[in-house]
Amino acid sequence: MDGSLFVLLLLSGLFWSSSGLSRPYFYINKAMSWPEAQSYCRERFTDLATADSMDDVNRLVNIVDAGYSGSVWIGLKRGTQTRWVWSDGENNTSQYYNWDSRQPDGDGNCIATYSGAWKFWIHLSKNPKSME
């Protein structure tokens, strides 16, 4: 697989929260900026991935293609200087965070994940620098 490709995770399903079912996640191997990824997800599914627990994070990590070692966009974005919100608007403010060490560092407005840990990224990047 071309290591320069950027991957995003998609969230689908409208009734998961009220039914107590797990969110269905999809892995799409396509280079996009965060706004492009959000539009793509909204047109074809529901929105970018939302994670409310470590179980959600583990499920996200496990659906990414074996052998892929890059980062993926998730639906978390800066709402204000001190607040983070999910792009689907359902959980207005995120109550769960899985920040990597030394994060958040204030450098960026959107979140990508690498091996389950979250890091800041500038949302216009289609191929963020290595997250290792």
N, C-alpha and C. Protein backbone atom coordinates (compact mmCIF):
# COMPACT_ATOMS: atom_id res chain seq x y z
N MET A 1 0.84 -1.18 0.00
CA MET A 1 0.00 0.00 0.00
C MET A 1 0.88 1.24 0.00
N ASP A 2 0.47 2.25 -0.73
CA ASP A 2 1.22 3.49 -0.80
C ASP A 2 1.11 4.21 0.54
N GLY A 3 2.26 4.40 1.21
CA GLY A 3 2.28 5.03 2.51
C GLY A 3 1.87 6.49 2.49
N SER A 4 1.83 7.12 1.30
CA SER A 4 1.47 8.53 1.24
C SER A 4 -0.04 8.73 1.25
N LEU A 5 -0.80 7.65 1.08
CA LEU A 5 -2.25 7.79 1.11
C LEU A 5 -2.72 8.07 2.52
N PHE A 6 -3.69 8.91 2.63
CA PHE A 6 -4.27 9.24 3.93
C PHE A 6 -5.58 8.51 4.04
N VAL A 7 -5.86 8.02 5.20
CA VAL A 7 -7.04 7.20 5.41
C VAL A 7 -8.01 7.91 6.33
N LEU A 8 -9.28 7.68 6.14
CA LEU A 8 -10.25 8.23 7.08
C LEU A 8 -11.21 7.14 7.52
N LEU A 9 -11.79 7.35 8.65
CA LEU A 9 -12.78 6.43 9.20
C LEU A 9 -14.14 7.07 9.10
N LEU A 10 -15.12 6.26 8.75
CA LEU A 10 -16.47 6.77 8.58
C LEU A 10 -17.41 6.17 9.62
N LEU A 11 -18.40 6.93 9.96
CA LEU A 11 -19.43 6.48 10.88
C LEU A 11 -20.72 6.39 10.09
N SER A 12 -21.44 5.31 10.23
CA SER A 12 -22.71 5.14 9.55
C SER A 12 -23.76 4.68 10.55
N GLY A 13 -25.00 4.97 10.25
CA GLY A 13 -26.09 4.50 11.11
C GLY A 13 -26.69 5.64 11.89
N LEU A 14 -28.01 5.72 11.87
CA LEU A 14 -28.68 6.85 12.51
C LEU A 14 -29.24 6.51 13.89
N PHE A 15 -29.39 5.24 14.21
CA PHE A 15 -30.12 4.88 15.42
C PHE A 15 -29.28 4.17 16.46
N TRP A 16 -27.97 4.18 16.31
CA TRP A 16 -27.12 3.45 17.23
C TRP A 16 -27.18 3.97 18.65
N SER A 17 -27.28 5.30 18.82
CA SER A 17 -27.20 5.85 20.18
C SER A 17 -28.43 5.50 21.02
N SER A 18 -29.61 5.52 20.42
CA SER A 18 -30.80 5.22 21.20
C SER A 18 -31.00 3.72 21.40
N SER A 19 -30.45 2.91 20.52
CA SER A 19 -30.66 1.47 20.63
C SER A 19 -29.61 0.78 21.47
N GLY A 20 -28.55 1.47 21.83
CA GLY A 20 -27.48 0.86 22.61
C GLY A 20 -26.54 0.00 21.78
N LEU A 21 -26.71 0.02 20.47
CA LEU A 21 -25.84 -0.76 19.59
C LEU A 21 -24.52 -0.04 19.36
N SER A 22 -23.52 -0.81 19.01
CA SER A 22 -22.22 -0.22 18.67
C SER A 22 -22.33 0.54 17.36
N ARG A 23 -21.59 1.62 17.26
CA ARG A 23 -21.54 2.37 16.01
C ARG A 23 -20.88 1.52 14.93
N PRO A 24 -21.42 1.51 13.73
CA PRO A 24 -20.71 0.84 12.64
C PRO A 24 -19.67 1.79 12.04
N TYR A 25 -18.43 1.37 11.98
CA TYR A 25 -17.36 2.17 11.40
C TYR A 25 -16.92 1.57 10.08
N PHE A 26 -16.48 2.43 9.16
CA PHE A 26 -15.95 1.99 7.87
C PHE A 26 -14.61 2.66 7.65
N TYR A 27 -13.74 1.94 6.99
CA TYR A 27 -12.40 2.43 6.68
C TYR A 27 -12.35 2.73 5.19
N ILE A 28 -11.99 3.95 4.83
CA ILE A 28 -11.89 4.36 3.43
C ILE A 28 -10.46 4.79 3.17
N ASN A 29 -9.83 4.19 2.20
CA ASN A 29 -8.44 4.48 1.87
C ASN A 29 -8.40 5.50 0.74
N LYS A 30 -8.43 6.76 1.11
CA LYS A 30 -8.46 7.83 0.12
C LYS A 30 -7.85 9.09 0.74
N ALA A 31 -6.98 9.77 0.00
CA ALA A 31 -6.35 11.00 0.49
C ALA A 31 -7.34 12.16 0.43
N MET A 32 -7.57 12.80 1.58
CA MET A 32 -8.48 13.95 1.67
C MET A 32 -8.07 14.83 2.83
N SER A 33 -8.40 16.11 2.72
CA SER A 33 -8.27 17.01 3.86
C SER A 33 -9.42 16.70 4.82
N TRP A 34 -9.37 17.25 6.03
CA TRP A 34 -10.45 17.01 6.99
C TRP A 34 -11.80 17.50 6.45
N PRO A 35 -11.90 18.74 5.91
CA PRO A 35 -13.19 19.18 5.38
C PRO A 35 -13.68 18.30 4.23
N GLU A 36 -12.77 17.86 3.36
CA GLU A 36 -13.17 16.95 2.27
C GLU A 36 -13.66 15.63 2.82
N ALA A 37 -12.96 15.11 3.83
CA ALA A 37 -13.36 13.84 4.45
C ALA A 37 -14.74 13.97 5.10
N GLN A 38 -14.97 15.08 5.78
CA GLN A 38 -16.27 15.30 6.41
C GLN A 38 -17.38 15.34 5.36
N SER A 39 -17.17 16.07 4.28
CA SER A 39 -18.17 16.14 3.20
C SER A 39 -18.42 14.77 2.59
N TYR A 40 -17.34 14.04 2.33
CA TYR A 40 -17.44 12.70 1.76
C TYR A 40 -18.29 11.80 2.66
N CYS A 41 -18.01 11.84 3.94
CA CYS A 41 -18.75 11.01 4.90
C CYS A 41 -20.21 11.41 4.98
N ARG A 42 -20.46 12.69 4.99
CA ARG A 42 -21.84 13.16 5.10
C ARG A 42 -22.65 12.83 3.85
N GLU A 43 -22.01 12.86 2.69
CA GLU A 43 -22.71 12.53 1.45
C GLU A 43 -23.02 11.04 1.34
N ARG A 44 -22.15 10.19 1.86
CA ARG A 44 -22.27 8.75 1.65
C ARG A 44 -22.70 7.96 2.89
N PHE A 45 -22.48 8.52 4.06
CA PHE A 45 -22.76 7.81 5.31
C PHE A 45 -23.47 8.78 6.24
N THR A 46 -22.93 9.00 7.42
CA THR A 46 -23.50 9.94 8.38
C THR A 46 -22.51 11.05 8.68
N ASP A 47 -21.32 10.71 9.15
CA ASP A 47 -20.30 11.70 9.48
C ASP A 47 -18.99 10.99 9.76
N LEU A 48 -17.96 11.77 10.06
CA LEU A 48 -16.69 11.20 10.49
C LEU A 48 -16.88 10.45 11.81
N ALA A 49 -15.96 9.58 12.13
CA ALA A 49 -16.08 8.72 13.31
C ALA A 49 -16.09 9.51 14.61
N THR A 50 -16.93 9.06 15.53
CA THR A 50 -17.02 9.57 16.89
C THR A 50 -16.62 8.45 17.83
N ALA A 51 -15.85 8.76 18.85
CA ALA A 51 -15.43 7.75 19.83
C ALA A 51 -15.75 8.26 21.23
N ASP A 52 -16.60 7.52 21.92
CA ASP A 52 -17.00 7.90 23.28
C ASP A 52 -16.33 7.08 24.36
N SER A 53 -15.50 6.12 23.95
CA SER A 53 -14.87 5.24 24.93
C SER A 53 -13.62 4.59 24.33
N MET A 54 -12.84 3.96 25.18
CA MET A 54 -11.67 3.23 24.70
C MET A 54 -12.11 2.04 23.84
N ASP A 55 -13.26 1.46 24.11
CA ASP A 55 -13.78 0.39 23.25
C ASP A 55 -13.99 0.89 21.83
N ASP A 56 -14.55 2.11 21.68
CA ASP A 56 -14.71 2.70 20.35
C ASP A 56 -13.35 2.88 19.67
N VAL A 57 -12.38 3.41 20.41
CA VAL A 57 -11.04 3.63 19.85
C VAL A 57 -10.45 2.30 19.39
N ASN A 58 -10.57 1.27 20.19
CA ASN A 58 -10.04 -0.05 19.80
C ASN A 58 -10.72 -0.58 18.55
N ARG A 59 -12.02 -0.39 18.44
CA ARG A 59 -12.74 -0.82 17.23
C ARG A 59 -12.25 -0.05 16.02
N LEU A 60 -12.01 1.25 16.17
CA LEU A 60 -11.49 2.05 15.05
C LEU A 60 -10.13 1.54 14.61
N VAL A 61 -9.25 1.31 15.56
CA VAL A 61 -7.90 0.83 15.24
C VAL A 61 -7.98 -0.52 14.54
N ASN A 62 -8.87 -1.38 14.98
CA ASN A 62 -8.95 -2.73 14.43
C ASN A 62 -9.54 -2.81 13.03
N ILE A 63 -10.27 -1.79 12.57
CA ILE A 63 -10.83 -1.88 11.22
C ILE A 63 -9.89 -1.36 10.15
N VAL A 64 -8.85 -0.65 10.54
CA VAL A 64 -7.89 -0.14 9.56
C VAL A 64 -7.13 -1.31 8.96
N ASP A 65 -6.90 -1.24 7.64
CA ASP A 65 -6.22 -2.33 6.93
C ASP A 65 -4.93 -2.75 7.61
N ALA A 66 -4.74 -4.04 7.70
CA ALA A 66 -3.50 -4.59 8.26
C ALA A 66 -2.32 -4.07 7.46
N GLY A 67 -1.28 -3.69 8.14
CA GLY A 67 -0.09 -3.19 7.46
C GLY A 67 -0.07 -1.69 7.24
N TYR A 68 -1.22 -1.01 7.41
CA TYR A 68 -1.24 0.44 7.26
C TYR A 68 -0.70 1.06 8.55
N SER A 69 0.27 1.95 8.42
CA SER A 69 0.88 2.53 9.62
C SER A 69 0.72 4.04 9.68
N GLY A 70 -0.16 4.60 8.87
CA GLY A 70 -0.36 6.04 8.86
C GLY A 70 -1.43 6.46 9.86
N SER A 71 -1.92 7.65 9.68
CA SER A 71 -2.92 8.22 10.57
C SER A 71 -4.25 8.33 9.86
N VAL A 72 -5.31 8.52 10.62
CA VAL A 72 -6.66 8.63 10.07
C VAL A 72 -7.39 9.80 10.72
N TRP A 73 -8.25 10.44 9.94
CA TRP A 73 -9.09 11.51 10.49
C TRP A 73 -10.19 10.90 11.34
N ILE A 74 -10.54 11.59 12.42
CA ILE A 74 -11.77 11.29 13.16
C ILE A 74 -12.57 12.59 13.22
N GLY A 75 -13.78 12.53 13.73
CA GLY A 75 -14.67 13.68 13.70
C GLY A 75 -14.50 14.71 14.78
N LEU A 76 -13.44 14.64 15.57
CA LEU A 76 -13.24 15.61 16.64
C LEU A 76 -12.56 16.86 16.09
N LYS A 77 -13.11 18.03 16.44
CA LYS A 77 -12.55 19.30 15.98
C LYS A 77 -12.65 20.33 17.10
N ARG A 78 -11.88 21.39 16.94
CA ARG A 78 -11.89 22.46 17.94
C ARG A 78 -13.20 23.24 17.81
N GLY A 79 -13.90 23.37 18.95
CA GLY A 79 -15.10 24.19 18.98
C GLY A 79 -14.73 25.60 19.42
N THR A 80 -13.97 25.69 20.50
CA THR A 80 -13.42 26.95 21.00
C THR A 80 -11.99 26.65 21.44
N GLN A 81 -11.34 27.61 22.01
CA GLN A 81 -9.96 27.39 22.47
C GLN A 81 -9.87 26.27 23.49
N THR A 82 -10.91 26.08 24.29
CA THR A 82 -10.83 25.10 25.37
C THR A 82 -11.81 23.94 25.21
N ARG A 83 -12.59 23.93 24.14
CA ARG A 83 -13.62 22.90 23.96
C ARG A 83 -13.40 22.15 22.67
N TRP A 84 -13.63 20.85 22.68
CA TRP A 84 -13.56 20.00 21.50
C TRP A 84 -14.93 19.42 21.25
N VAL A 85 -15.38 19.43 20.00
CA VAL A 85 -16.71 18.94 19.66
C VAL A 85 -16.62 17.91 18.54
N TRP A 86 -17.60 17.02 18.50
CA TRP A 86 -17.69 16.03 17.43
C TRP A 86 -18.42 16.65 16.25
N SER A 87 -17.96 16.36 15.05
CA SER A 87 -18.51 17.00 13.86
C SER A 87 -19.95 16.61 13.59
N ASP A 88 -20.43 15.48 14.14
CA ASP A 88 -21.82 15.10 13.91
C ASP A 88 -22.79 15.92 14.75
N GLY A 89 -22.27 16.68 15.72
CA GLY A 89 -23.10 17.55 16.54
C GLY A 89 -23.92 16.82 17.59
N GLU A 90 -23.89 15.50 17.58
CA GLU A 90 -24.71 14.74 18.52
C GLU A 90 -24.24 14.90 19.96
N ASN A 91 -22.98 14.73 20.20
CA ASN A 91 -22.41 14.99 21.52
C ASN A 91 -21.75 16.35 21.41
N ASN A 92 -22.48 17.40 21.73
CA ASN A 92 -21.98 18.74 21.47
C ASN A 92 -20.55 18.95 21.93
N THR A 93 -20.22 18.48 23.11
CA THR A 93 -18.86 18.59 23.62
C THR A 93 -18.36 17.19 23.95
N SER A 94 -17.16 16.88 23.51
CA SER A 94 -16.61 15.56 23.79
C SER A 94 -16.33 15.40 25.27
N GLN A 95 -16.78 14.28 25.83
CA GLN A 95 -16.51 13.95 27.22
C GLN A 95 -15.38 12.93 27.34
N TYR A 96 -14.97 12.37 26.21
CA TYR A 96 -13.92 11.35 26.21
C TYR A 96 -12.77 11.82 25.32
N TYR A 97 -11.56 11.70 25.83
CA TYR A 97 -10.37 12.09 25.07
C TYR A 97 -9.33 10.99 25.18
N ASN A 98 -8.58 10.80 24.13
CA ASN A 98 -7.49 9.82 24.15
C ASN A 98 -6.24 10.49 23.58
N TRP A 99 -5.85 11.63 24.18
CA TRP A 99 -4.73 12.41 23.68
C TRP A 99 -3.42 11.63 23.78
N ASP A 100 -2.58 11.80 22.78
CA ASP A 100 -1.23 11.27 22.81
C ASP A 100 -0.42 12.11 23.79
N SER A 101 0.76 11.63 24.17
CA SER A 101 1.61 12.42 25.08
C SER A 101 1.91 13.77 24.45
N ARG A 102 2.01 14.79 25.28
CA ARG A 102 2.27 16.17 24.87
C ARG A 102 1.14 16.76 24.01
N GLN A 103 -0.04 16.19 24.08
CA GLN A 103 -1.19 16.70 23.35
C GLN A 103 -2.29 17.02 24.36
N PRO A 104 -3.17 17.95 24.09
CA PRO A 104 -3.16 18.83 22.93
C PRO A 104 -2.09 19.91 23.06
N ASP A 105 -1.47 20.23 21.94
CA ASP A 105 -0.40 21.23 21.96
C ASP A 105 -0.82 22.55 21.31
N GLY A 106 -2.08 22.65 20.89
CA GLY A 106 -2.59 23.89 20.33
C GLY A 106 -2.27 24.09 18.87
N ASP A 107 -1.58 23.16 18.23
CA ASP A 107 -1.17 23.30 16.83
C ASP A 107 -2.14 22.57 15.92
N GLY A 108 -3.27 23.18 15.62
CA GLY A 108 -4.24 22.57 14.72
C GLY A 108 -5.65 22.70 15.23
N ASN A 109 -6.59 22.37 14.35
CA ASN A 109 -8.00 22.51 14.67
C ASN A 109 -8.78 21.21 14.58
N CYS A 110 -8.18 20.17 13.99
CA CYS A 110 -8.84 18.89 13.82
C CYS A 110 -7.96 17.78 14.35
N ILE A 111 -8.55 16.62 14.53
CA ILE A 111 -7.84 15.52 15.17
C ILE A 111 -7.69 14.34 14.22
N ALA A 112 -6.49 13.79 14.23
CA ALA A 112 -6.22 12.53 13.54
C ALA A 112 -5.75 11.54 14.60
N THR A 113 -5.90 10.27 14.31
CA THR A 113 -5.46 9.26 15.26
C THR A 113 -4.40 8.37 14.64
N TYR A 114 -3.45 7.98 15.45
CA TYR A 114 -2.38 7.07 15.05
C TYR A 114 -2.28 6.03 16.14
N SER A 115 -2.56 4.80 15.81
CA SER A 115 -2.57 3.70 16.80
C SER A 115 -3.48 4.00 17.98
N GLY A 116 -4.54 4.74 17.73
CA GLY A 116 -5.53 5.02 18.77
C GLY A 116 -5.30 6.28 19.57
N ALA A 117 -4.10 6.87 19.55
CA ALA A 117 -3.83 8.10 20.29
C ALA A 117 -4.14 9.31 19.40
N TRP A 118 -4.71 10.35 19.98
CA TRP A 118 -5.16 11.50 19.20
C TRP A 118 -4.12 12.60 19.19
N LYS A 119 -3.98 13.24 18.02
CA LYS A 119 -3.05 14.36 17.87
C LYS A 119 -3.70 15.45 17.03
N PHE A 120 -3.24 16.68 17.25
CA PHE A 120 -3.70 17.83 16.47
C PHE A 120 -3.20 17.77 15.03
N TRP A 121 -3.99 18.26 14.11
CA TRP A 121 -3.54 18.47 12.73
C TRP A 121 -4.24 19.69 12.17
N ILE A 122 -3.55 20.35 11.27
CA ILE A 122 -4.17 21.42 10.50
C ILE A 122 -5.14 20.73 9.54
N HIS A 123 -6.38 21.18 9.50
CA HIS A 123 -7.40 20.43 8.78
C HIS A 123 -7.28 20.43 7.27
N LEU A 124 -6.46 21.27 6.68
CA LEU A 124 -6.35 21.32 5.22
C LEU A 124 -5.34 20.32 4.68
N SER A 125 -4.55 19.71 5.54
CA SER A 125 -3.53 18.77 5.10
C SER A 125 -4.17 17.49 4.56
N LYS A 126 -3.72 17.05 3.38
CA LYS A 126 -4.18 15.78 2.83
C LYS A 126 -3.23 14.66 3.20
N ASN A 127 -2.04 15.00 3.61
CA ASN A 127 -1.05 13.98 3.95
C ASN A 127 -0.20 14.50 5.10
N PRO A 128 -0.75 14.45 6.33
CA PRO A 128 0.00 14.98 7.47
C PRO A 128 1.34 14.30 7.65
N LYS A 129 2.25 15.03 8.26
CA LYS A 129 3.55 14.45 8.56
C LYS A 129 3.38 13.22 9.44
N SER A 130 4.38 12.42 9.53
CA SER A 130 4.31 11.19 10.30
C SER A 130 3.87 11.49 11.73
N MET A 131 3.02 10.65 12.26
CA MET A 131 2.54 10.83 13.62
C MET A 131 3.34 10.00 14.60
N GLU A 132 4.37 9.33 14.18
CA GLU A 132 5.15 8.48 15.08
C GLU A 132 5.99 9.32 16.00
